[in-house]
Amino acid sequence: MSRIIFSLILIIGFASMGVSQTPTNKGGITIKLIRFRNDKGQTCVSLFNNPKGFPGKHEYAYKIMRCGIKGKQAIIEFTDLPYGTYAVGVLHDENLNNKMDTNIIGIPKEGFGTSNNPKSFMGPPSFESAAFELNSTNKTIEINIKYL
């Protein structure tokens, strides 16, 4: 009986040595934000993994991060993300009220941007125009902050 148990332990031990680790299929996204008009306030970066709420309804975002601005630039890193399709919406929250301030007819008073830097006319860009694939351990994107 002890000989059988010993043999099983050896077989399991040798078998586990040959098993390779399966990839985690996770990665990270580094986002470089440029062209802020000043270093006031903070930037709010929302990472979306579906179109619902993109780009401005942060409550629907997959993940949200905030950071300060230095030298009219900022860098945000999202880590441990499953591979997939994402889009990023950015707000330059100059007065730290955690929302996009607009004028009386709805035109933004603060800076904004989205991944892929798509041109948009009469409203925000679509999720599809800002979407990109995360399919490697790290992806770096650059977003230009715009002001109207």
N, C-alpha and C. Protein backbone atom coordinates (compact mmCIF):
# COMPACT_ATOMS: atom_id res chain seq x y z
N MET A 1 0.83 -1.20 0.00
CA MET A 1 0.00 0.00 0.00
C MET A 1 0.87 1.26 0.00
N SER A 2 1.91 1.27 0.85
CA SER A 2 2.78 2.44 0.91
C SER A 2 3.55 2.62 -0.39
N ARG A 3 3.83 1.50 -1.07
CA ARG A 3 4.51 1.56 -2.34
C ARG A 3 3.63 2.24 -3.40
N ILE A 4 2.33 1.99 -3.39
CA ILE A 4 1.39 2.60 -4.33
C ILE A 4 1.29 4.11 -4.06
N ILE A 5 1.18 4.48 -2.81
CA ILE A 5 1.10 5.90 -2.44
C ILE A 5 2.37 6.62 -2.87
N PHE A 6 3.53 6.01 -2.62
CA PHE A 6 4.81 6.61 -3.00
C PHE A 6 4.87 6.79 -4.52
N SER A 7 4.41 5.78 -5.27
CA SER A 7 4.42 5.85 -6.73
C SER A 7 3.50 6.97 -7.22
N LEU A 8 2.33 7.10 -6.61
CA LEU A 8 1.40 8.18 -6.99
C LEU A 8 2.00 9.55 -6.72
N ILE A 9 2.66 9.70 -5.61
CA ILE A 9 3.30 10.99 -5.28
C ILE A 9 4.37 11.32 -6.31
N LEU A 10 5.17 10.33 -6.70
CA LEU A 10 6.20 10.56 -7.72
C LEU A 10 5.57 10.94 -9.06
N ILE A 11 4.53 10.25 -9.46
CA ILE A 11 3.87 10.53 -10.74
C ILE A 11 3.30 11.94 -10.73
N ILE A 12 2.62 12.30 -9.66
CA ILE A 12 2.03 13.64 -9.56
C ILE A 12 3.12 14.69 -9.55
N GLY A 13 4.20 14.46 -8.83
CA GLY A 13 5.31 15.41 -8.78
C GLY A 13 5.93 15.64 -10.13
N PHE A 14 6.22 14.55 -10.87
CA PHE A 14 6.82 14.70 -12.19
C PHE A 14 5.85 15.33 -13.18
N ALA A 15 4.59 14.99 -13.08
CA ALA A 15 3.59 15.55 -13.99
C ALA A 15 3.46 17.05 -13.78
N SER A 16 3.51 17.50 -12.53
CA SER A 16 3.34 18.93 -12.26
C SER A 16 4.54 19.73 -12.72
N MET A 17 5.71 19.09 -12.81
CA MET A 17 6.91 19.80 -13.29
C MET A 17 6.77 20.16 -14.77
N GLY A 18 6.06 19.36 -15.52
CA GLY A 18 5.92 19.60 -16.95
C GLY A 18 4.76 20.51 -17.30
N VAL A 19 3.95 20.88 -16.34
CA VAL A 19 2.79 21.73 -16.61
C VAL A 19 3.24 23.17 -16.68
N SER A 20 2.93 23.83 -17.79
CA SER A 20 3.31 25.23 -17.91
C SER A 20 2.20 26.11 -17.36
N GLN A 21 2.59 27.28 -16.93
CA GLN A 21 1.62 28.25 -16.42
C GLN A 21 0.78 28.77 -17.59
N THR A 22 -0.51 28.85 -17.39
CA THR A 22 -1.37 29.42 -18.42
C THR A 22 -1.35 30.94 -18.28
N PRO A 23 -1.42 31.67 -19.39
CA PRO A 23 -1.41 33.12 -19.30
C PRO A 23 -2.65 33.63 -18.57
N THR A 24 -2.48 34.76 -17.91
CA THR A 24 -3.58 35.32 -17.12
C THR A 24 -4.57 36.09 -17.98
N ASN A 25 -4.17 36.45 -19.19
CA ASN A 25 -5.02 37.25 -20.07
C ASN A 25 -5.44 38.55 -19.40
N LYS A 26 -4.50 39.14 -18.70
CA LYS A 26 -4.71 40.44 -18.07
C LYS A 26 -3.56 41.35 -18.44
N GLY A 27 -3.85 42.63 -18.42
CA GLY A 27 -2.82 43.61 -18.75
C GLY A 27 -3.11 44.94 -18.09
N GLY A 28 -2.38 45.94 -18.53
CA GLY A 28 -2.53 47.28 -17.98
C GLY A 28 -2.59 48.31 -19.09
N ILE A 29 -3.16 49.45 -18.75
CA ILE A 29 -3.25 50.56 -19.70
C ILE A 29 -2.61 51.78 -19.06
N THR A 30 -1.61 52.34 -19.73
CA THR A 30 -0.98 53.58 -19.31
C THR A 30 -1.54 54.69 -20.19
N ILE A 31 -2.06 55.72 -19.56
CA ILE A 31 -2.70 56.82 -20.30
C ILE A 31 -1.94 58.11 -20.03
N LYS A 32 -1.38 58.66 -21.08
CA LYS A 32 -0.70 59.95 -20.98
C LYS A 32 -1.66 61.02 -21.45
N LEU A 33 -1.95 61.97 -20.56
CA LEU A 33 -2.87 63.07 -20.85
C LEU A 33 -2.05 64.33 -21.10
N ILE A 34 -2.27 64.96 -22.24
CA ILE A 34 -1.47 66.15 -22.59
C ILE A 34 -2.38 67.30 -23.00
N ARG A 35 -1.78 68.48 -23.06
CA ARG A 35 -2.42 69.72 -23.52
C ARG A 35 -3.45 70.29 -22.56
N PHE A 36 -3.25 70.09 -21.26
CA PHE A 36 -4.09 70.81 -20.29
C PHE A 36 -3.75 72.29 -20.43
N ARG A 37 -4.72 73.15 -20.17
CA ARG A 37 -4.44 74.59 -20.27
C ARG A 37 -3.79 75.13 -19.01
N ASN A 38 -3.89 74.38 -17.92
CA ASN A 38 -3.25 74.78 -16.66
C ASN A 38 -3.15 73.55 -15.75
N ASP A 39 -2.57 73.74 -14.58
CA ASP A 39 -2.40 72.64 -13.62
C ASP A 39 -3.44 72.69 -12.50
N LYS A 40 -4.48 73.49 -12.65
CA LYS A 40 -5.51 73.63 -11.61
C LYS A 40 -6.34 72.36 -11.49
N GLY A 41 -6.84 72.12 -10.30
CA GLY A 41 -7.79 71.04 -10.08
C GLY A 41 -7.18 69.66 -10.22
N GLN A 42 -7.95 68.79 -10.87
CA GLN A 42 -7.54 67.40 -11.05
C GLN A 42 -8.10 66.88 -12.36
N THR A 43 -7.63 65.71 -12.74
CA THR A 43 -8.21 65.05 -13.89
C THR A 43 -8.95 63.81 -13.41
N CYS A 44 -10.09 63.56 -14.00
CA CYS A 44 -10.90 62.37 -13.71
C CYS A 44 -10.90 61.52 -14.96
N VAL A 45 -10.38 60.30 -14.84
CA VAL A 45 -10.26 59.39 -15.98
C VAL A 45 -11.18 58.20 -15.76
N SER A 46 -12.12 58.01 -16.68
CA SER A 46 -13.09 56.92 -16.59
C SER A 46 -12.80 55.90 -17.67
N LEU A 47 -12.64 54.65 -17.25
CA LEU A 47 -12.38 53.55 -18.16
C LEU A 47 -13.68 52.77 -18.35
N PHE A 48 -14.15 52.71 -19.58
CA PHE A 48 -15.39 52.01 -19.90
C PHE A 48 -15.08 50.72 -20.64
N ASN A 49 -15.86 49.67 -20.35
CA ASN A 49 -15.72 48.42 -21.10
C ASN A 49 -16.98 48.09 -21.89
N ASN A 50 -17.90 49.06 -21.98
CA ASN A 50 -19.09 48.95 -22.83
C ASN A 50 -19.61 50.36 -23.09
N PRO A 51 -20.49 50.51 -24.06
CA PRO A 51 -20.95 51.85 -24.46
C PRO A 51 -21.82 52.58 -23.45
N LYS A 52 -22.44 51.87 -22.53
CA LYS A 52 -23.40 52.50 -21.62
C LYS A 52 -22.73 53.62 -20.82
N GLY A 53 -23.23 54.83 -20.99
CA GLY A 53 -22.75 55.98 -20.24
C GLY A 53 -21.52 56.66 -20.78
N PHE A 54 -20.91 56.11 -21.81
CA PHE A 54 -19.68 56.71 -22.35
C PHE A 54 -19.99 58.02 -23.04
N PRO A 55 -19.17 59.06 -22.87
CA PRO A 55 -17.98 59.15 -22.05
C PRO A 55 -18.19 59.85 -20.71
N GLY A 56 -19.34 60.47 -20.51
CA GLY A 56 -19.48 61.36 -19.36
C GLY A 56 -20.20 60.84 -18.14
N LYS A 57 -20.85 59.72 -18.22
CA LYS A 57 -21.60 59.20 -17.06
C LYS A 57 -20.69 58.25 -16.29
N HIS A 58 -19.92 58.83 -15.39
CA HIS A 58 -18.88 58.10 -14.69
C HIS A 58 -19.41 56.96 -13.83
N GLU A 59 -20.67 57.03 -13.44
CA GLU A 59 -21.24 55.97 -12.62
C GLU A 59 -21.33 54.64 -13.38
N TYR A 60 -21.24 54.69 -14.71
CA TYR A 60 -21.27 53.46 -15.52
C TYR A 60 -19.88 52.96 -15.90
N ALA A 61 -18.86 53.69 -15.51
CA ALA A 61 -17.49 53.31 -15.87
C ALA A 61 -17.08 52.02 -15.17
N TYR A 62 -16.22 51.28 -15.83
CA TYR A 62 -15.65 50.05 -15.26
C TYR A 62 -14.72 50.41 -14.11
N LYS A 63 -13.87 51.44 -14.32
CA LYS A 63 -12.97 51.93 -13.28
C LYS A 63 -12.80 53.43 -13.46
N ILE A 64 -12.55 54.11 -12.35
CA ILE A 64 -12.32 55.56 -12.35
C ILE A 64 -11.07 55.85 -11.53
N MET A 65 -10.25 56.76 -12.04
CA MET A 65 -9.09 57.23 -11.28
C MET A 65 -9.01 58.75 -11.40
N ARG A 66 -8.50 59.37 -10.35
CA ARG A 66 -8.28 60.81 -10.36
C ARG A 66 -6.83 61.08 -10.00
N CYS A 67 -6.29 62.16 -10.56
CA CYS A 67 -4.93 62.54 -10.19
C CYS A 67 -4.72 64.02 -10.48
N GLY A 68 -3.66 64.55 -9.92
CA GLY A 68 -3.30 65.93 -10.16
C GLY A 68 -2.65 66.09 -11.52
N ILE A 69 -2.40 67.34 -11.86
CA ILE A 69 -1.80 67.71 -13.15
C ILE A 69 -0.51 68.46 -12.86
N LYS A 70 0.54 68.12 -13.57
CA LYS A 70 1.82 68.80 -13.37
C LYS A 70 2.43 69.08 -14.74
N GLY A 71 2.81 70.32 -14.95
CA GLY A 71 3.39 70.68 -16.23
C GLY A 71 2.43 70.50 -17.38
N LYS A 72 1.14 70.71 -17.10
CA LYS A 72 0.06 70.58 -18.09
C LYS A 72 -0.04 69.18 -18.67
N GLN A 73 0.36 68.18 -17.85
CA GLN A 73 0.29 66.78 -18.24
C GLN A 73 -0.08 65.93 -17.03
N ALA A 74 -0.52 64.71 -17.30
CA ALA A 74 -0.79 63.74 -16.24
C ALA A 74 -0.64 62.34 -16.82
N ILE A 75 -0.31 61.39 -15.96
CA ILE A 75 -0.22 59.98 -16.37
C ILE A 75 -1.02 59.15 -15.38
N ILE A 76 -1.86 58.29 -15.93
CA ILE A 76 -2.71 57.39 -15.15
C ILE A 76 -2.41 55.96 -15.61
N GLU A 77 -2.38 55.04 -14.66
CA GLU A 77 -2.18 53.63 -15.01
C GLU A 77 -3.28 52.77 -14.40
N PHE A 78 -3.97 52.05 -15.26
CA PHE A 78 -4.93 51.05 -14.83
C PHE A 78 -4.24 49.70 -14.95
N THR A 79 -4.29 48.89 -13.91
CA THR A 79 -3.61 47.60 -13.93
C THR A 79 -4.60 46.47 -13.69
N ASP A 80 -4.13 45.26 -13.94
CA ASP A 80 -4.89 44.04 -13.67
C ASP A 80 -6.25 44.04 -14.37
N LEU A 81 -6.24 44.40 -15.65
CA LEU A 81 -7.47 44.47 -16.43
C LEU A 81 -7.59 43.23 -17.32
N PRO A 82 -8.76 42.63 -17.40
CA PRO A 82 -8.94 41.53 -18.34
C PRO A 82 -8.80 42.04 -19.78
N TYR A 83 -8.22 41.22 -20.64
CA TYR A 83 -8.16 41.59 -22.05
C TYR A 83 -9.57 41.87 -22.56
N GLY A 84 -9.67 42.85 -23.44
CA GLY A 84 -10.98 43.19 -23.98
C GLY A 84 -10.97 44.55 -24.64
N THR A 85 -12.16 45.05 -24.91
CA THR A 85 -12.35 46.34 -25.57
C THR A 85 -12.66 47.39 -24.51
N TYR A 86 -11.96 48.52 -24.60
CA TYR A 86 -12.13 49.62 -23.65
C TYR A 86 -12.18 50.95 -24.39
N ALA A 87 -12.69 51.96 -23.71
CA ALA A 87 -12.63 53.34 -24.17
C ALA A 87 -12.47 54.21 -22.93
N VAL A 88 -11.80 55.34 -23.09
CA VAL A 88 -11.49 56.22 -21.97
C VAL A 88 -12.13 57.59 -22.18
N GLY A 89 -12.75 58.10 -21.12
CA GLY A 89 -13.27 59.46 -21.10
C GLY A 89 -12.55 60.24 -20.01
N VAL A 90 -12.15 61.47 -20.32
CA VAL A 90 -11.36 62.28 -19.39
C VAL A 90 -12.02 63.64 -19.17
N LEU A 91 -12.01 64.09 -17.93
CA LEU A 91 -12.50 65.41 -17.56
C LEU A 91 -11.39 66.16 -16.83
N HIS A 92 -11.14 67.41 -17.23
CA HIS A 92 -10.26 68.29 -16.45
C HIS A 92 -11.16 69.07 -15.49
N ASP A 93 -11.24 68.57 -14.28
CA ASP A 93 -12.11 69.15 -13.25
C ASP A 93 -11.35 70.28 -12.55
N GLU A 94 -11.36 71.44 -13.16
CA GLU A 94 -10.57 72.57 -12.66
C GLU A 94 -11.03 73.07 -11.29
N ASN A 95 -12.32 73.00 -11.00
CA ASN A 95 -12.82 73.53 -9.73
C ASN A 95 -13.13 72.43 -8.71
N LEU A 96 -12.72 71.20 -8.98
CA LEU A 96 -12.84 70.08 -8.04
C LEU A 96 -14.26 69.79 -7.56
N ASN A 97 -15.24 69.96 -8.47
CA ASN A 97 -16.62 69.64 -8.08
C ASN A 97 -17.08 68.29 -8.62
N ASN A 98 -16.17 67.53 -9.22
CA ASN A 98 -16.44 66.17 -9.71
C ASN A 98 -17.53 66.10 -10.78
N LYS A 99 -17.65 67.16 -11.58
CA LYS A 99 -18.60 67.12 -12.70
C LYS A 99 -18.13 68.06 -13.79
N MET A 100 -18.65 67.85 -14.99
CA MET A 100 -18.34 68.72 -16.13
C MET A 100 -19.20 69.97 -16.02
N ASP A 101 -18.56 71.10 -15.91
CA ASP A 101 -19.29 72.37 -15.87
C ASP A 101 -19.55 72.82 -17.31
N THR A 102 -20.78 73.29 -17.55
CA THR A 102 -21.16 73.75 -18.88
C THR A 102 -21.77 75.14 -18.78
N ASN A 103 -21.85 75.81 -19.93
CA ASN A 103 -22.52 77.11 -19.94
C ASN A 103 -24.02 76.90 -20.07
N ILE A 104 -24.75 77.97 -20.24
CA ILE A 104 -26.22 77.91 -20.23
C ILE A 104 -26.79 77.05 -21.36
N ILE A 105 -26.05 76.91 -22.46
CA ILE A 105 -26.56 76.09 -23.56
C ILE A 105 -25.89 74.70 -23.64
N GLY A 106 -25.13 74.36 -22.61
CA GLY A 106 -24.57 73.01 -22.52
C GLY A 106 -23.18 72.82 -23.07
N ILE A 107 -22.51 73.89 -23.47
CA ILE A 107 -21.14 73.77 -23.98
C ILE A 107 -20.18 73.67 -22.79
N PRO A 108 -19.28 72.69 -22.82
CA PRO A 108 -18.35 72.49 -21.69
C PRO A 108 -17.46 73.70 -21.42
N LYS A 109 -17.32 74.03 -20.14
CA LYS A 109 -16.41 75.09 -19.71
C LYS A 109 -15.05 74.51 -19.32
N GLU A 110 -15.00 73.20 -19.08
CA GLU A 110 -13.77 72.54 -18.65
C GLU A 110 -13.28 71.61 -19.76
N GLY A 111 -12.03 71.20 -19.62
CA GLY A 111 -11.42 70.35 -20.63
C GLY A 111 -11.92 68.92 -20.59
N PHE A 112 -11.78 68.25 -21.72
CA PHE A 112 -12.23 66.86 -21.84
C PHE A 112 -11.42 66.18 -22.92
N GLY A 113 -11.51 64.87 -22.97
CA GLY A 113 -10.85 64.10 -24.01
C GLY A 113 -11.32 62.66 -23.98
N THR A 114 -11.05 61.94 -25.07
CA THR A 114 -11.39 60.52 -25.15
C THR A 114 -10.26 59.79 -25.86
N SER A 115 -10.19 58.49 -25.62
CA SER A 115 -9.19 57.67 -26.30
C SER A 115 -9.38 57.75 -27.81
N ASN A 116 -8.31 57.59 -28.53
CA ASN A 116 -8.24 57.71 -30.00
C ASN A 116 -8.37 59.14 -30.49
N ASN A 117 -8.65 60.09 -29.60
CA ASN A 117 -8.77 61.51 -29.96
C ASN A 117 -9.66 61.72 -31.19
N PRO A 118 -10.86 61.11 -31.22
CA PRO A 118 -11.72 61.28 -32.41
C PRO A 118 -12.27 62.70 -32.50
N LYS A 119 -12.52 63.12 -33.72
CA LYS A 119 -13.19 64.41 -33.91
C LYS A 119 -14.67 64.18 -33.63
N SER A 120 -15.26 65.13 -32.95
CA SER A 120 -16.69 65.00 -32.68
C SER A 120 -17.38 66.31 -33.02
N PHE A 121 -18.55 66.17 -33.58
CA PHE A 121 -19.35 67.33 -33.95
C PHE A 121 -20.70 67.20 -33.27
N MET A 122 -21.13 68.25 -32.65
CA MET A 122 -22.45 68.29 -32.02
C MET A 122 -22.63 67.17 -31.00
N GLY A 123 -21.74 67.10 -30.05
CA GLY A 123 -21.88 66.11 -29.00
C GLY A 123 -20.64 65.26 -28.83
N PRO A 124 -20.66 64.43 -27.81
CA PRO A 124 -19.48 63.61 -27.53
C PRO A 124 -19.31 62.49 -28.55
N PRO A 125 -18.09 61.97 -28.68
CA PRO A 125 -17.86 60.86 -29.61
C PRO A 125 -18.51 59.58 -29.10
N SER A 126 -18.69 58.64 -29.99
CA SER A 126 -19.28 57.35 -29.63
C SER A 126 -18.23 56.46 -28.98
N PHE A 127 -18.70 55.46 -28.27
CA PHE A 127 -17.83 54.45 -27.68
C PHE A 127 -17.00 53.78 -28.80
N GLU A 128 -17.64 53.47 -29.90
CA GLU A 128 -16.97 52.79 -31.01
C GLU A 128 -15.81 53.61 -31.56
N SER A 129 -15.97 54.93 -31.65
CA SER A 129 -14.89 55.76 -32.20
C SER A 129 -13.73 55.91 -31.23
N ALA A 130 -13.96 55.67 -29.97
CA ALA A 130 -12.91 55.79 -28.95
C ALA A 130 -12.38 54.44 -28.48
N ALA A 131 -12.99 53.35 -28.94
CA ALA A 131 -12.64 52.01 -28.43
C ALA A 131 -11.30 51.53 -28.94
N PHE A 132 -10.64 50.73 -28.12
CA PHE A 132 -9.38 50.08 -28.48
C PHE A 132 -9.32 48.73 -27.77
N GLU A 133 -8.45 47.87 -28.24
CA GLU A 133 -8.30 46.53 -27.68
C GLU A 133 -7.11 46.47 -26.73
N LEU A 134 -7.34 45.89 -25.58
CA LEU A 134 -6.24 45.53 -24.68
C LEU A 134 -6.04 44.03 -24.87
N ASN A 135 -4.90 43.66 -25.45
CA ASN A 135 -4.62 42.25 -25.70
C ASN A 135 -3.14 41.93 -25.47
N SER A 136 -2.51 42.73 -24.59
CA SER A 136 -1.12 42.50 -24.23
C SER A 136 -0.92 42.95 -22.79
N THR A 137 0.25 42.70 -22.25
CA THR A 137 0.48 43.02 -20.84
C THR A 137 0.45 44.51 -20.56
N ASN A 138 0.77 45.34 -21.55
CA ASN A 138 0.68 46.78 -21.34
C ASN A 138 0.40 47.49 -22.65
N LYS A 139 -0.51 48.43 -22.58
CA LYS A 139 -0.84 49.27 -23.73
C LYS A 139 -0.72 50.72 -23.27
N THR A 140 -0.10 51.55 -24.08
CA THR A 140 0.04 52.97 -23.77
C THR A 140 -0.74 53.77 -24.81
N ILE A 141 -1.55 54.70 -24.31
CA ILE A 141 -2.29 55.59 -25.21
C ILE A 141 -2.06 57.03 -24.77
N GLU A 142 -2.29 57.96 -25.69
CA GLU A 142 -2.13 59.38 -25.41
C GLU A 142 -3.44 60.08 -25.76
N ILE A 143 -3.91 60.92 -24.85
CA ILE A 143 -5.16 61.65 -25.05
C ILE A 143 -4.89 63.15 -24.96
N ASN A 144 -5.35 63.87 -25.98
CA ASN A 144 -5.23 65.34 -26.00
C ASN A 144 -6.46 65.92 -25.29
N ILE A 145 -6.22 66.80 -24.33
CA ILE A 145 -7.33 67.47 -23.64
C ILE A 145 -7.75 68.67 -24.50
N LYS A 146 -9.06 68.80 -24.70
CA LYS A 146 -9.62 69.85 -25.56
C LYS A 146 -10.47 70.81 -24.72
N TYR A 147 -10.52 72.04 -25.17
CA TYR A 147 -11.34 73.07 -24.55
C TYR A 147 -12.13 73.77 -25.65
N LEU A 148 -13.38 74.10 -25.35
CA LEU A 148 -14.19 74.81 -26.36
C LEU A 148 -14.32 76.27 -25.98
